[in-house]
Amino acid sequence: PAPPVITLSRLKTIEDKLPPSKFLRIHRSFIVAIPKIDSFSKNAVQIGKTNLSVGDLYKETFMEMMGMKD
């Protein structure tokens, strides 16, 4: 697996530079590459053996992007 990216930039700055069709902010600490998502629920994303929580602030947008919105 790829090593984590370590930077002094704010995650918002990085998020703004990434294409929104390929990357999604799911938590105040996590941005994920949508094609790398192996499975998901409304509360978590699995990428390989790593489970990441979906933060409350990002759930609605995440569910819309993943086609889970009513």
PDB file of N, CA and C in Angstrom:
ATOM      1  N   PRO A   1       0.827  -1.205   0.000  1.00  0.00           N
ATOM      2  CA  PRO A   1       0.000   0.000   0.000  1.00  0.00           C
ATOM      3  C   PRO A   1       0.863   1.257   0.000  1.00  0.00           C
ATOM      4  N   ALA A   2       0.288   2.312  -0.519  1.00  0.00           N
ATOM      5  CA  ALA A   2       1.002   3.594  -0.555  1.00  0.00           C
ATOM      6  C   ALA A   2       1.152   4.154   0.855  1.00  0.00           C
ATOM      7  N   PRO A   3       2.276   4.801   1.129  1.00  0.00           N
ATOM      8  CA  PRO A   3       2.449   5.411   2.454  1.00  0.00           C
ATOM      9  C   PRO A   3       1.530   6.620   2.592  1.00  0.00           C
ATOM     10  N   PRO A   4       1.208   7.006   3.829  1.00  0.00           N
ATOM     11  CA  PRO A   4       0.380   8.206   4.013  1.00  0.00           C
ATOM     12  C   PRO A   4       1.113   9.455   3.526  1.00  0.00           C
ATOM     13  N   VAL A   5       0.345  10.443   3.142  1.00  0.00           N
ATOM     14  CA  VAL A   5       0.932  11.710   2.714  1.00  0.00           C
ATOM     15  C   VAL A   5       1.054  12.613   3.937  1.00  0.00           C
ATOM     16  N   ILE A   6       2.241  13.112   4.179  1.00  0.00           N
ATOM     17  CA  ILE A   6       2.472  13.997   5.324  1.00  0.00           C
ATOM     18  C   ILE A   6       2.804  15.381   4.773  1.00  0.00           C
ATOM     19  N   THR A   7       2.051  16.384   5.219  1.00  0.00           N
ATOM     20  CA  THR A   7       2.242  17.736   4.715  1.00  0.00           C
ATOM     21  C   THR A   7       1.861  18.747   5.787  1.00  0.00           C
ATOM     22  N   LEU A   8       2.342  19.959   5.630  1.00  0.00           N
ATOM     23  CA  LEU A   8       1.958  21.029   6.536  1.00  0.00           C
ATOM     24  C   LEU A   8       0.759  21.808   5.990  1.00  0.00           C
ATOM     25  N   SER A   9       0.325  21.474   4.780  1.00  0.00           N
ATOM     26  CA  SER A   9      -0.840  22.144   4.188  1.00  0.00           C
ATOM     27  C   SER A   9      -2.113  21.717   4.906  1.00  0.00           C
ATOM     28  N   ARG A  10      -3.095  22.581   4.878  1.00  0.00           N
ATOM     29  CA  ARG A  10      -4.404  22.217   5.419  1.00  0.00           C
ATOM     30  C   ARG A  10      -5.066  21.243   4.460  1.00  0.00           C
ATOM     31  N   LEU A  11      -5.847  20.313   5.006  1.00  0.00           N
ATOM     32  CA  LEU A  11      -6.525  19.332   4.171  1.00  0.00           C
ATOM     33  C   LEU A  11      -7.488  20.018   3.201  1.00  0.00           C
ATOM     34  N   LYS A  12      -8.086  21.119   3.607  1.00  0.00           N
ATOM     35  CA  LYS A  12      -8.993  21.874   2.738  1.00  0.00           C
ATOM     36  C   LYS A  12      -8.256  22.375   1.494  1.00  0.00           C
ATOM     37  N   THR A  13      -7.021  22.832   1.656  1.00  0.00           N
ATOM     38  CA  THR A  13      -6.217  23.310   0.531  1.00  0.00           C
ATOM     39  C   THR A  13      -5.964  22.174  -0.461  1.00  0.00           C
ATOM     40  N   ILE A  14      -5.642  21.010   0.060  1.00  0.00           N
ATOM     41  CA  ILE A  14      -5.415  19.843  -0.793  1.00  0.00           C
ATOM     42  C   ILE A  14      -6.718  19.420  -1.455  1.00  0.00           C
ATOM     43  N   GLU A  15      -7.796  19.375  -0.687  1.00  0.00           N
ATOM     44  CA  GLU A  15      -9.109  18.994  -1.219  1.00  0.00           C
ATOM     45  C   GLU A  15      -9.498  19.885  -2.403  1.00  0.00           C
ATOM     46  N   ASP A  16      -9.256  21.175  -2.297  1.00  0.00           N
ATOM     47  CA  ASP A  16      -9.614  22.122  -3.357  1.00  0.00           C
ATOM     48  C   ASP A  16      -8.825  21.893  -4.647  1.00  0.00           C
ATOM     49  N   LYS A  17      -7.657  21.270  -4.549  1.00  0.00           N
ATOM     50  CA  LYS A  17      -6.820  21.018  -5.726  1.00  0.00           C
ATOM     51  C   LYS A  17      -7.125  19.681  -6.399  1.00  0.00           C
ATOM     52  N   LEU A  18      -7.820  18.802  -5.704  1.00  0.00           N
ATOM     53  CA  LEU A  18      -8.118  17.469  -6.247  1.00  0.00           C
ATOM     54  C   LEU A  18      -9.402  17.483  -7.067  1.00  0.00           C
ATOM     55  N   PRO A  19      -9.487  16.650  -8.122  1.00  0.00           N
ATOM     56  CA  PRO A  19     -10.721  16.596  -8.908  1.00  0.00           C
ATOM     57  C   PRO A  19     -11.859  15.961  -8.095  1.00  0.00           C
ATOM     58  N   PRO A  20     -12.976  16.678  -7.916  1.00  0.00           N
ATOM     59  CA  PRO A  20     -14.062  16.167  -7.074  1.00  0.00           C
ATOM     60  C   PRO A  20     -14.722  14.905  -7.627  1.00  0.00           C
ATOM     61  N   SER A  21     -14.517  14.596  -8.895  1.00  0.00           N
ATOM     62  CA  SER A  21     -15.085  13.367  -9.450  1.00  0.00           C
ATOM     63  C   SER A  21     -14.289  12.132  -9.021  1.00  0.00           C
ATOM     64  N   LYS A  22     -13.066  12.335  -8.499  1.00  0.00           N
ATOM     65  CA  LYS A  22     -12.211  11.202  -8.135  1.00  0.00           C
ATOM     66  C   LYS A  22     -11.850  11.139  -6.659  1.00  0.00           C
ATOM     67  N   PHE A  23     -12.038  12.248  -5.947  1.00  0.00           N
ATOM     68  CA  PHE A  23     -11.674  12.302  -4.529  1.00  0.00           C
ATOM     69  C   PHE A  23     -12.832  12.871  -3.715  1.00  0.00           C
ATOM     70  N   LEU A  24     -12.983  12.365  -2.495  1.00  0.00           N
ATOM     71  CA  LEU A  24     -14.099  12.771  -1.653  1.00  0.00           C
ATOM     72  C   LEU A  24     -13.640  12.922  -0.215  1.00  0.00           C
ATOM     73  N   ARG A  25     -14.000  14.034   0.385  1.00  0.00           N
ATOM     74  CA  ARG A  25     -13.719  14.253   1.809  1.00  0.00           C
ATOM     75  C   ARG A  25     -14.778  13.512   2.595  1.00  0.00           C
ATOM     76  N   ILE A  26     -14.340  12.597   3.477  1.00  0.00           N
ATOM     77  CA  ILE A  26     -15.291  11.806   4.262  1.00  0.00           C
ATOM     78  C   ILE A  26     -15.208  12.096   5.757  1.00  0.00           C
ATOM     79  N   HIS A  27     -14.218  12.883   6.146  1.00  0.00           N
ATOM     80  CA  HIS A  27     -13.966  13.126   7.567  1.00  0.00           C
ATOM     81  C   HIS A  27     -13.044  14.337   7.640  1.00  0.00           C
ATOM     82  N   ARG A  28     -12.997  15.006   8.766  1.00  0.00           N
ATOM     83  CA  ARG A  28     -12.101  16.158   8.855  1.00  0.00           C
ATOM     84  C   ARG A  28     -10.640  15.750   8.698  1.00  0.00           C
ATOM     85  N   SER A  29     -10.356  14.458   8.857  1.00  0.00           N
ATOM     86  CA  SER A  29      -8.986  13.965   8.729  1.00  0.00           C
ATOM     87  C   SER A  29      -8.728  13.125   7.482  1.00  0.00           C
ATOM     88  N   PHE A  30      -9.763  12.845   6.673  1.00  0.00           N
ATOM     89  CA  PHE A  30      -9.590  11.919   5.556  1.00  0.00           C
ATOM     90  C   PHE A  30     -10.183  12.428   4.246  1.00  0.00           C
ATOM     91  N   ILE A  31      -9.410  12.307   3.177  1.00  0.00           N
ATOM     92  CA  ILE A  31      -9.898  12.433   1.810  1.00  0.00           C
ATOM     93  C   ILE A  31      -9.574  11.087   1.165  1.00  0.00           C
ATOM     94  N   VAL A  32     -10.536  10.496   0.462  1.00  0.00           N
ATOM     95  CA  VAL A  32     -10.289   9.202  -0.165  1.00  0.00           C
ATOM     96  C   VAL A  32     -10.411   9.298  -1.684  1.00  0.00           C
ATOM     97  N   ALA A  33      -9.671   8.432  -2.368  1.00  0.00           N
ATOM     98  CA  ALA A  33      -9.790   8.297  -3.813  1.00  0.00           C
ATOM     99  C   ALA A  33     -10.978   7.371  -4.063  1.00  0.00           C
ATOM    100  N   ILE A  34     -12.023   7.887  -4.691  1.00  0.00           N
ATOM    101  CA  ILE A  34     -13.254   7.118  -4.890  1.00  0.00           C
ATOM    102  C   ILE A  34     -12.991   5.766  -5.566  1.00  0.00           C
ATOM    103  N   PRO A  35     -12.151   5.692  -6.624  1.00  0.00           N
ATOM    104  CA  PRO A  35     -11.922   4.388  -7.261  1.00  0.00           C
ATOM    105  C   PRO A  35     -11.254   3.345  -6.354  1.00  0.00           C
ATOM    106  N   LYS A  36     -10.620   3.789  -5.279  1.00  0.00           N
ATOM    107  CA  LYS A  36      -9.930   2.869  -4.362  1.00  0.00           C
ATOM    108  C   LYS A  36     -10.849   2.288  -3.289  1.00  0.00           C
ATOM    109  N   ILE A  37     -12.082   2.796  -3.168  1.00  0.00           N
ATOM    110  CA  ILE A  37     -13.007   2.311  -2.155  1.00  0.00           C
ATOM    111  C   ILE A  37     -13.435   0.884  -2.509  1.00  0.00           C
ATOM    112  N   ASP A  38     -13.209  -0.059  -1.582  1.00  0.00           N
ATOM    113  CA  ASP A  38     -13.589  -1.450  -1.791  1.00  0.00           C
ATOM    114  C   ASP A  38     -15.027  -1.711  -1.346  1.00  0.00           C
ATOM    115  N   SER A  39     -15.421  -1.110  -0.240  1.00  0.00           N
ATOM    116  CA  SER A  39     -16.796  -1.230   0.241  1.00  0.00           C
ATOM    117  C   SER A  39     -17.100  -0.046   1.143  1.00  0.00           C
ATOM    118  N   PHE A  40     -18.401   0.176   1.383  1.00  0.00           N
ATOM    119  CA  PHE A  40     -18.793   1.308   2.215  1.00  0.00           C
ATOM    120  C   PHE A  40     -20.162   1.089   2.817  1.00  0.00           C
ATOM    121  N   SER A  41     -20.408   1.807   3.889  1.00  0.00           N
ATOM    122  CA  SER A  41     -21.731   1.913   4.501  1.00  0.00           C
ATOM    123  C   SER A  41     -21.916   3.397   4.769  1.00  0.00           C
ATOM    124  N   LYS A  42     -23.027   3.776   5.386  1.00  0.00           N
ATOM    125  CA  LYS A  42     -23.208   5.213   5.641  1.00  0.00           C
ATOM    126  C   LYS A  42     -22.252   5.739   6.712  1.00  0.00           C
ATOM    127  N   ASN A  43     -21.611   4.830   7.461  1.00  0.00           N
ATOM    128  CA  ASN A  43     -20.733   5.247   8.551  1.00  0.00           C
ATOM    129  C   ASN A  43     -19.251   4.981   8.325  1.00  0.00           C
ATOM    130  N   ALA A  44     -18.900   4.205   7.293  1.00  0.00           N
ATOM    131  CA  ALA A  44     -17.496   3.822   7.123  1.00  0.00           C
ATOM    132  C   ALA A  44     -17.183   3.484   5.669  1.00  0.00           C
ATOM    133  N   VAL A  45     -15.885   3.582   5.358  1.00  0.00           N
ATOM    134  CA  VAL A  45     -15.348   3.244   4.039  1.00  0.00           C
ATOM    135  C   VAL A  45     -14.236   2.236   4.276  1.00  0.00           C
ATOM    136  N   GLN A  46     -14.170   1.222   3.440  1.00  0.00           N
ATOM    137  CA  GLN A  46     -13.068   0.271   3.522  1.00  0.00           C
ATOM    138  C   GLN A  46     -12.229   0.379   2.259  1.00  0.00           C
ATOM    139  N   ILE A  47     -10.929   0.572   2.458  1.00  0.00           N
ATOM    140  CA  ILE A  47      -9.953   0.593   1.375  1.00  0.00           C
ATOM    141  C   ILE A  47      -8.905  -0.441   1.751  1.00  0.00           C
ATOM    142  N   GLY A  48      -8.904  -1.553   1.027  1.00  0.00           N
ATOM    143  CA  GLY A  48      -8.028  -2.656   1.417  1.00  0.00           C
ATOM    144  C   GLY A  48      -8.435  -3.151   2.788  1.00  0.00           C
ATOM    145  N   LYS A  49      -7.475  -3.224   3.691  1.00  0.00           N
ATOM    146  CA  LYS A  49      -7.760  -3.680   5.064  1.00  0.00           C
ATOM    147  C   LYS A  49      -8.014  -2.518   6.017  1.00  0.00           C
ATOM    148  N   THR A  50      -8.043  -1.296   5.492  1.00  0.00           N
ATOM    149  CA  THR A  50      -8.210  -0.101   6.321  1.00  0.00           C
ATOM    150  C   THR A  50      -9.658   0.363   6.324  1.00  0.00           C
ATOM    151  N   ASN A  51     -10.213   0.543   7.514  1.00  0.00           N
ATOM    152  CA  ASN A  51     -11.554   1.093   7.678  1.00  0.00           C
ATOM    153  C   ASN A  51     -11.436   2.534   8.145  1.00  0.00           C
ATOM    154  N   LEU A  52     -12.158   3.426   7.469  1.00  0.00           N
ATOM    155  CA  LEU A  52     -12.153   4.847   7.821  1.00  0.00           C
ATOM    156  C   LEU A  52     -13.570   5.278   8.140  1.00  0.00           C
ATOM    157  N   SER A  53     -13.739   6.012   9.219  1.00  0.00           N
ATOM    158  CA  SER A  53     -15.054   6.523   9.592  1.00  0.00           C
ATOM    159  C   SER A  53     -15.474   7.661   8.680  1.00  0.00           C
ATOM    160  N   VAL A  54     -16.772   7.736   8.424  1.00  0.00           N
ATOM    161  CA  VAL A  54     -17.337   8.882   7.702  1.00  0.00           C
ATOM    162  C   VAL A  54     -17.842   9.848   8.766  1.00  0.00           C
ATOM    163  N   GLY A  55     -17.315  11.058   8.770  1.00  0.00           N
ATOM    164  CA  GLY A  55     -17.700  12.051   9.770  1.00  0.00           C
ATOM    165  C   GLY A  55     -19.117  12.561   9.556  1.00  0.00           C
ATOM    166  N   ASP A  56     -19.771  12.944  10.632  1.00  0.00           N
ATOM    167  CA  ASP A  56     -21.154  13.434  10.568  1.00  0.00           C
ATOM    168  C   ASP A  56     -21.317  14.604   9.599  1.00  0.00           C
ATOM    169  N   LEU A  57     -20.334  15.496   9.546  1.00  0.00           N
ATOM    170  CA  LEU A  57     -20.421  16.655   8.655  1.00  0.00           C
ATOM    171  C   LEU A  57     -20.370  16.267   7.176  1.00  0.00           C
ATOM    172  N   TYR A  58     -19.854  15.084   6.876  1.00  0.00           N
ATOM    173  CA  TYR A  58     -19.627  14.676   5.490  1.00  0.00           C
ATOM    174  C   TYR A  58     -20.580  13.576   5.032  1.00  0.00           C
ATOM    175  N   LYS A  59     -21.417  13.047   5.938  1.00  0.00           N
ATOM    176  CA  LYS A  59     -22.288  11.906   5.607  1.00  0.00           C
ATOM    177  C   LYS A  59     -23.247  12.184   4.455  1.00  0.00           C
ATOM    178  N   GLU A  60     -23.914  13.317   4.476  1.00  0.00           N
ATOM    179  CA  GLU A  60     -24.913  13.608   3.450  1.00  0.00           C
ATOM    180  C   GLU A  60     -24.274  13.658   2.055  1.00  0.00           C
ATOM    181  N   THR A  61     -23.175  14.386   1.926  1.00  0.00           N
ATOM    182  CA  THR A  61     -22.482  14.474   0.639  1.00  0.00           C
ATOM    183  C   THR A  61     -21.950  13.108   0.226  1.00  0.00           C
ATOM    184  N   PHE A  62     -21.386  12.373   1.177  1.00  0.00           N
ATOM    185  CA  PHE A  62     -20.864  11.040   0.890  1.00  0.00           C
ATOM    186  C   PHE A  62     -21.966  10.119   0.377  1.00  0.00           C
ATOM    187  N   MET A  63     -23.095  10.121   1.052  1.00  0.00           N
ATOM    188  CA  MET A  63     -24.192   9.246   0.648  1.00  0.00           C
ATOM    189  C   MET A  63     -24.716   9.617  -0.746  1.00  0.00           C
ATOM    190  N   GLU A  64     -24.782  10.904  -1.056  1.00  0.00           N
ATOM    191  CA  GLU A  64     -25.189  11.340  -2.393  1.00  0.00           C
ATOM    192  C   GLU A  64     -24.202  10.856  -3.446  1.00  0.00           C
ATOM    193  N   MET A  65     -22.904  11.035  -3.191  1.00  0.00           N
ATOM    194  CA  MET A  65     -21.883  10.630  -4.162  1.00  0.00           C
ATOM    195  C   MET A  65     -21.876   9.119  -4.396  1.00  0.00           C
ATOM    196  N   MET A  66     -22.199   8.368  -3.361  1.00  0.00           N
ATOM    197  CA  MET A  66     -22.154   6.907  -3.470  1.00  0.00           C
ATOM    198  C   MET A  66     -23.510   6.316  -3.879  1.00  0.00           C
ATOM    199  N   GLY A  67     -24.464   7.201  -4.205  1.00  0.00           N
ATOM    200  CA  GLY A  67     -25.770   6.739  -4.674  1.00  0.00           C
ATOM    201  C   GLY A  67     -26.649   6.153  -3.585  1.00  0.00           C
ATOM    202  N   MET A  68     -26.454   6.579  -2.351  1.00  0.00           N
ATOM    203  CA  MET A  68     -27.231   6.055  -1.228  1.00  0.00           C
ATOM    204  C   MET A  68     -28.320   7.011  -0.766  1.00  0.00           C
ATOM    205  N   LYS A  69     -28.494   8.124  -1.454  1.00  0.00           N
ATOM    206  CA  LYS A  69     -29.485   9.122  -1.041  1.00  0.00           C
ATOM    207  C   LYS A  69     -30.853   8.745  -1.577  1.00  0.00           C
ATOM    208  N   ASP A  70     -31.884   8.935  -0.757  1.00  0.00           N
ATOM    209  CA  ASP A  70     -33.262   8.640  -1.184  1.00  0.00           C
ATOM    210  C   ASP A  70     -33.730   9.628  -2.231  1.00  0.00           C
TER     211      ASP A  70
END
